[in-house]
Amino acid sequence: MDYTKLKNCELFLFDMDGTLYLGDEVYDGARELMFDFPRMGKRYIYLTNNSSRAGEDYIHRLRRLGFPCERENVFTSGMATGMYLNQHHPGASVYIAGTRAFHRELLSYGIRLVNDELGHTEADRVDVVVQGFDTELVYEKLERACHFLRRGAVFIAANPDWVCPMPADEVLPDCGSICALLTASSGREPTYIGKPNRNMVDVISAMTGIPNEKICCVGDRLYTDIAVAQNAGAVSVLVLSGETSPEMAAAAERQPDYILPSVKELHEIIR
């Protein structure tokens, strides 16, 4: 296998759940890889579709798990959603169906959230409904989101993931599953912001000055982590430590640039 393209990458974007750790179980070699990046003269960013936590929450979580992490090392679908709303819907009234952390994240971007201003009348109007990976989901949020979508609100979702992997081969229903329910009940399809939307890589390229072809996306999911690299013209590394099995990888219509058992093997290649 020729690893020249991989070794020439200057910036590595890492998925977290299923790639570096699962729950609180850190995969073998993951910490060592991240600590070794400065010595190798390369940069890294933790890139996640999980909008249930804010960027600051990830900094604290990663440090607690023993990973090096500063503010510039984290980029989430929640952050990308805030940037998208400011660019495409400036000043819009937004109803958010997400966690309190996602709520705080969007407020930090100056988004006009109107959740606390709304009553339960036909006069209530919002411009945009934003759905996130909501681990604090209650039925009232679904009811209100459906109400506004059926009355013409724009539908935006932080990420398309169907499930969030958990230890012991368990999963949690993720944002894509929640959106499927809302689509079935409202007839509206969302615009997804997170991976595989190439915007995630394009924004990071603009922020760092590193061209897409020198960026490597590392993750365990074909339809998000690998697809975002392929859509953005970046290098892709699929690790088989999470959602994707060897059989699923072999059957993929678009093959990743590289398939490795885990990030431990990635470290051995690039160091």
Protein backbone atom coordinates (compact mmCIF):
# COMPACT_ATOMS: atom_id res chain seq x y z
CA MET A 1 0.00 0.00 0.00
CA ASP A 2 1.31 3.46 -0.95
CA TYR A 3 0.84 5.79 2.03
CA THR A 4 2.46 8.86 0.41
CA LYS A 5 -0.81 10.82 0.16
CA LEU A 6 -1.58 10.08 3.80
CA LYS A 7 1.88 11.02 5.04
CA ASN A 8 1.74 14.31 3.12
CA CYS A 9 -1.37 15.48 4.98
CA GLU A 10 -0.78 18.49 7.24
CA LEU A 11 -4.06 18.50 9.19
CA PHE A 12 -6.00 15.52 10.55
CA LEU A 13 -9.72 15.79 11.42
CA PHE A 14 -10.76 13.12 13.89
CA ASP A 15 -14.19 11.81 14.61
CA MET A 16 -14.41 10.87 18.29
CA ASP A 17 -17.13 8.33 19.19
CA GLY A 18 -16.13 5.02 17.64
CA THR A 19 -12.79 6.40 16.42
CA LEU A 20 -10.82 7.57 19.47
CA TYR A 21 -13.05 6.16 22.20
CA LEU A 22 -16.41 4.55 22.91
CA GLY A 23 -18.19 5.95 25.92
CA ASP A 24 -15.41 6.40 28.47
CA GLU A 25 -13.29 3.59 27.01
CA VAL A 26 -10.32 5.09 25.16
CA TYR A 27 -8.99 2.94 22.32
CA ASP A 28 -5.47 1.60 22.50
CA GLY A 29 -2.95 4.08 21.09
CA ALA A 30 -5.42 6.96 20.68
CA ARG A 31 -3.93 9.25 23.35
CA GLU A 32 -0.38 8.52 22.21
CA LEU A 33 -1.25 9.50 18.64
CA MET A 34 -2.74 12.85 19.63
CA PHE A 35 0.17 13.76 21.91
CA ASP A 36 2.64 12.89 19.14
CA PHE A 37 1.22 15.26 16.51
CA PRO A 38 3.37 18.29 17.46
CA ARG A 39 6.53 16.19 17.19
CA MET A 40 5.44 15.01 13.75
CA GLY A 41 4.88 18.61 12.62
CA LYS A 42 1.19 18.04 11.94
CA ARG A 43 -2.03 19.60 13.24
CA TYR A 44 -5.26 18.02 14.42
CA ILE A 45 -8.86 18.92 15.13
CA TYR A 46 -11.51 16.85 16.86
CA LEU A 47 -14.44 17.00 14.42
CA THR A 48 -17.79 15.73 15.61
CA ASN A 49 -21.36 15.57 14.36
CA ASN A 50 -22.58 15.32 17.95
CA SER A 51 -24.44 18.55 18.74
CA SER A 52 -25.67 17.37 22.15
CA ARG A 53 -22.55 18.94 23.69
CA ALA A 54 -21.09 22.40 23.12
CA GLY A 55 -17.49 22.98 22.06
CA GLU A 56 -16.45 23.83 25.62
CA ASP A 57 -18.02 20.61 26.86
CA TYR A 58 -15.85 18.62 24.47
CA ILE A 59 -12.71 20.35 25.69
CA HIS A 60 -13.49 19.30 29.26
CA ARG A 61 -14.50 15.77 28.22
CA LEU A 62 -11.40 15.17 26.10
CA ARG A 63 -9.09 16.45 28.81
CA ARG A 64 -10.86 14.24 31.36
CA LEU A 65 -10.21 11.24 29.11
CA GLY A 66 -6.53 12.18 28.95
CA PHE A 67 -6.38 13.79 25.49
CA PRO A 68 -4.61 17.06 24.70
CA CYS A 69 -7.16 19.68 23.70
CA GLU A 70 -7.37 23.47 23.33
CA ARG A 71 -10.20 25.59 21.96
CA GLU A 72 -8.76 25.56 18.43
CA ASN A 73 -8.72 21.74 18.44
CA VAL A 74 -12.53 21.33 18.50
CA PHE A 75 -15.12 21.88 15.78
CA THR A 76 -18.67 20.56 16.16
CA SER A 77 -21.79 20.38 14.01
CA GLY A 78 -23.38 22.76 16.53
CA MET A 79 -20.69 25.36 15.82
CA ALA A 80 -21.13 24.82 12.07
CA THR A 81 -24.89 25.26 12.48
CA GLY A 82 -24.43 28.60 14.23
CA MET A 83 -22.15 29.78 11.42
CA TYR A 84 -24.62 28.55 8.76
CA LEU A 85 -27.55 30.36 10.38
CA ASN A 86 -25.62 33.64 10.52
CA GLN A 87 -24.65 33.30 6.88
CA HIS A 88 -27.95 32.13 5.38
CA HIS A 89 -30.62 33.27 7.85
CA PRO A 90 -29.28 36.38 9.62
CA GLY A 91 -31.66 37.75 12.21
CA ALA A 92 -34.14 34.89 11.78
CA SER A 93 -36.32 33.74 14.65
CA VAL A 94 -35.23 30.19 15.48
CA TYR A 95 -36.94 27.41 17.39
CA ILE A 96 -34.36 24.90 18.58
CA ALA A 97 -35.16 21.28 19.40
CA GLY A 98 -31.97 20.23 21.11
CA THR A 99 -30.08 20.01 24.38
CA ARG A 100 -29.37 22.93 26.69
CA ALA A 101 -25.74 22.72 25.57
CA PHE A 102 -26.78 23.14 21.90
CA HIS A 103 -28.99 26.02 23.00
CA ARG A 104 -25.96 27.71 24.62
CA GLU A 105 -23.83 27.05 21.54
CA LEU A 106 -26.24 28.81 19.19
CA LEU A 107 -26.67 31.72 21.61
CA SER A 108 -22.88 32.18 21.55
CA TYR A 109 -23.19 32.84 17.80
CA GLY A 110 -25.84 35.49 18.37
CA ILE A 111 -28.71 33.38 17.05
CA ARG A 112 -32.17 34.72 18.00
CA LEU A 113 -33.72 31.75 19.79
CA VAL A 114 -37.39 32.24 20.56
CA ASN A 115 -38.19 29.05 22.52
CA ASP A 116 -38.91 30.96 25.73
CA GLU A 117 -41.02 33.61 23.96
CA LEU A 118 -43.57 31.25 22.46
CA GLY A 119 -47.00 30.46 23.77
CA HIS A 120 -49.25 27.78 22.35
CA THR A 121 -51.31 29.83 19.92
CA GLU A 122 -51.76 29.90 16.16
CA ALA A 123 -50.19 33.36 16.21
CA ASP A 124 -46.78 31.91 17.11
CA ARG A 125 -44.46 32.08 14.12
CA VAL A 126 -40.82 31.11 13.69
CA ASP A 127 -38.60 31.37 10.62
CA VAL A 128 -36.39 28.34 11.24
CA VAL A 129 -36.65 25.05 13.15
CA VAL A 130 -33.26 23.62 14.13
CA GLN A 131 -33.06 19.99 15.22
CA GLY A 132 -30.04 18.56 17.02
CA PHE A 133 -29.02 15.27 18.60
CA ASP A 134 -31.33 15.74 21.55
CA THR A 135 -30.55 13.52 24.53
CA GLU A 136 -33.04 15.64 26.51
CA LEU A 137 -35.90 15.03 24.07
CA VAL A 138 -39.48 15.36 25.31
CA TYR A 139 -42.64 15.06 23.25
CA GLU A 140 -43.47 18.75 23.50
CA LYS A 141 -40.39 19.62 21.41
CA LEU A 142 -41.51 17.29 18.62
CA GLU A 143 -45.05 18.67 18.76
CA ARG A 144 -43.89 22.26 18.45
CA ALA A 145 -41.29 21.57 15.80
CA CYS A 146 -43.91 19.77 13.70
CA HIS A 147 -46.33 22.69 14.20
CA PHE A 148 -43.85 25.27 12.90
CA LEU A 149 -42.62 23.10 10.03
CA ARG A 150 -46.17 22.56 8.79
CA ARG A 151 -46.58 26.34 8.77
CA GLY A 152 -43.59 27.01 6.56
CA ALA A 153 -40.54 27.26 8.84
CA VAL A 154 -37.20 26.32 7.26
CA PHE A 155 -35.98 22.92 8.52
CA ILE A 156 -32.30 22.70 9.47
CA ALA A 157 -30.62 19.77 11.23
CA ALA A 158 -27.20 19.66 12.84
CA ASN A 159 -26.27 16.19 11.53
CA PRO A 160 -27.72 13.19 9.64
CA ASP A 161 -26.42 10.36 11.88
CA TRP A 162 -29.05 7.69 12.51
CA VAL A 163 -27.48 6.41 15.73
CA CYS A 164 -24.83 7.30 18.28
CA PRO A 165 -22.69 4.25 19.18
CA MET A 166 -22.47 3.25 22.82
CA PRO A 167 -20.56 0.59 24.77
CA ALA A 168 -21.74 -3.04 24.85
CA ASP A 169 -22.95 -2.82 21.22
CA GLU A 170 -25.76 -0.42 22.16
CA VAL A 171 -26.83 2.71 20.25
CA LEU A 172 -28.84 5.87 20.90
CA PRO A 173 -31.27 7.32 18.34
CA ASP A 174 -29.38 10.28 16.83
CA CYS A 175 -30.43 13.43 15.01
CA GLY A 176 -31.18 11.70 11.71
CA SER A 177 -33.66 9.36 13.40
CA ILE A 178 -35.42 12.26 15.11
CA CYS A 179 -35.59 14.12 11.79
CA ALA A 180 -37.13 11.04 10.13
CA LEU A 181 -39.99 11.28 12.61
CA LEU A 182 -40.45 14.99 11.92
CA THR A 183 -40.31 14.44 8.15
CA ALA A 184 -42.95 11.72 8.40
CA SER A 185 -45.24 13.97 10.44
CA SER A 186 -44.64 17.29 8.66
CA GLY A 187 -43.73 16.31 5.11
CA ARG A 188 -40.61 18.48 5.32
CA GLU A 189 -37.03 17.37 4.63
CA PRO A 190 -34.19 19.06 6.57
CA THR A 191 -31.01 20.66 5.32
CA TYR A 192 -28.24 18.81 7.15
CA ILE A 193 -25.23 20.89 8.28
CA GLY A 194 -22.73 18.39 9.68
CA LYS A 195 -20.78 15.65 7.95
CA PRO A 196 -21.06 14.66 5.07
CA ASN A 197 -21.67 18.31 4.10
CA ARG A 198 -18.32 19.48 2.71
CA ASN A 199 -18.89 22.82 4.43
CA MET A 200 -17.36 21.32 7.60
CA VAL A 201 -14.02 20.78 5.83
CA ASP A 202 -14.19 23.97 3.76
CA VAL A 203 -14.65 26.14 6.86
CA ILE A 204 -11.70 24.47 8.61
CA SER A 205 -9.55 24.89 5.50
CA ALA A 206 -10.36 28.60 5.43
CA MET A 207 -9.61 28.97 9.14
CA THR A 208 -6.27 27.13 9.01
CA GLY A 209 -5.03 28.03 5.53
CA ILE A 210 -4.49 24.34 4.74
CA PRO A 211 -5.93 23.21 1.38
CA ASN A 212 -8.48 20.41 1.37
CA GLU A 213 -6.15 17.98 -0.40
CA LYS A 214 -3.71 18.27 2.54
CA ILE A 215 -6.46 17.50 5.06
CA CYS A 216 -7.21 13.94 6.23
CA CYS A 217 -10.57 12.92 7.72
CA VAL A 218 -10.40 9.93 10.08
CA GLY A 219 -13.56 8.18 11.25
CA ASP A 220 -15.60 5.02 11.61
CA ARG A 221 -18.64 5.87 9.45
CA LEU A 222 -18.81 5.62 5.68
CA TYR A 223 -21.83 7.92 5.25
CA THR A 224 -20.47 10.81 7.35
CA ASP A 225 -16.73 10.68 8.16
CA ILE A 226 -15.62 9.19 4.84
CA ALA A 227 -18.27 10.88 2.71
CA VAL A 228 -17.31 14.37 3.96
CA ALA A 229 -13.71 13.76 2.90
CA GLN A 230 -14.79 12.52 -0.51
CA ASN A 231 -17.19 15.43 -0.99
CA ALA A 232 -14.51 17.97 -0.03
CA GLY A 233 -11.58 16.49 -1.93
CA ALA A 234 -9.76 15.52 1.27
CA VAL A 235 -7.98 12.27 2.13
CA SER A 236 -10.11 9.65 3.91
CA VAL A 237 -9.16 7.03 6.49
CA LEU A 238 -11.80 4.56 7.66
CA VAL A 239 -11.08 2.84 10.98
CA LEU A 240 -12.91 -0.39 11.79
CA SER A 241 -13.14 0.30 15.52
CA GLY A 242 -16.71 1.64 15.47
CA GLU A 243 -19.85 1.38 13.35
CA THR A 244 -18.43 0.01 10.08
CA SER A 245 -17.59 -3.68 9.76
CA PRO A 246 -15.08 -5.08 7.23
CA GLU A 247 -18.03 -6.45 5.24
CA MET A 248 -19.72 -3.04 5.10
CA ALA A 249 -16.45 -1.42 4.04
CA ALA A 250 -15.90 -3.96 1.27
CA ALA A 251 -19.43 -3.40 -0.05
CA ALA A 252 -19.16 0.40 -0.14
CA GLU A 253 -19.73 1.93 -3.57
CA ARG A 254 -17.14 4.64 -2.93
CA GLN A 255 -14.08 3.22 -1.25
CA PRO A 256 -12.08 5.21 1.34
CA ASP A 257 -8.50 6.08 0.47
CA TYR A 258 -7.32 3.90 3.35
CA ILE A 259 -8.93 1.31 5.64
CA LEU A 260 -7.19 0.58 8.96
CA PRO A 261 -8.13 -1.47 12.02
CA SER A 262 -7.75 1.52 14.36
CA VAL A 263 -5.96 4.82 14.94
CA LYS A 264 -3.06 2.89 16.46
CA GLU A 265 -2.13 1.68 12.95
CA LEU A 266 -2.52 5.24 11.63
CA HIS A 267 0.08 6.39 14.17
CA GLU A 268 2.50 3.71 13.05
CA ILE A 269 2.16 4.83 9.42
CA ILE A 270 2.56 8.59 9.77
CA ARG A 271 5.16 8.87 12.53
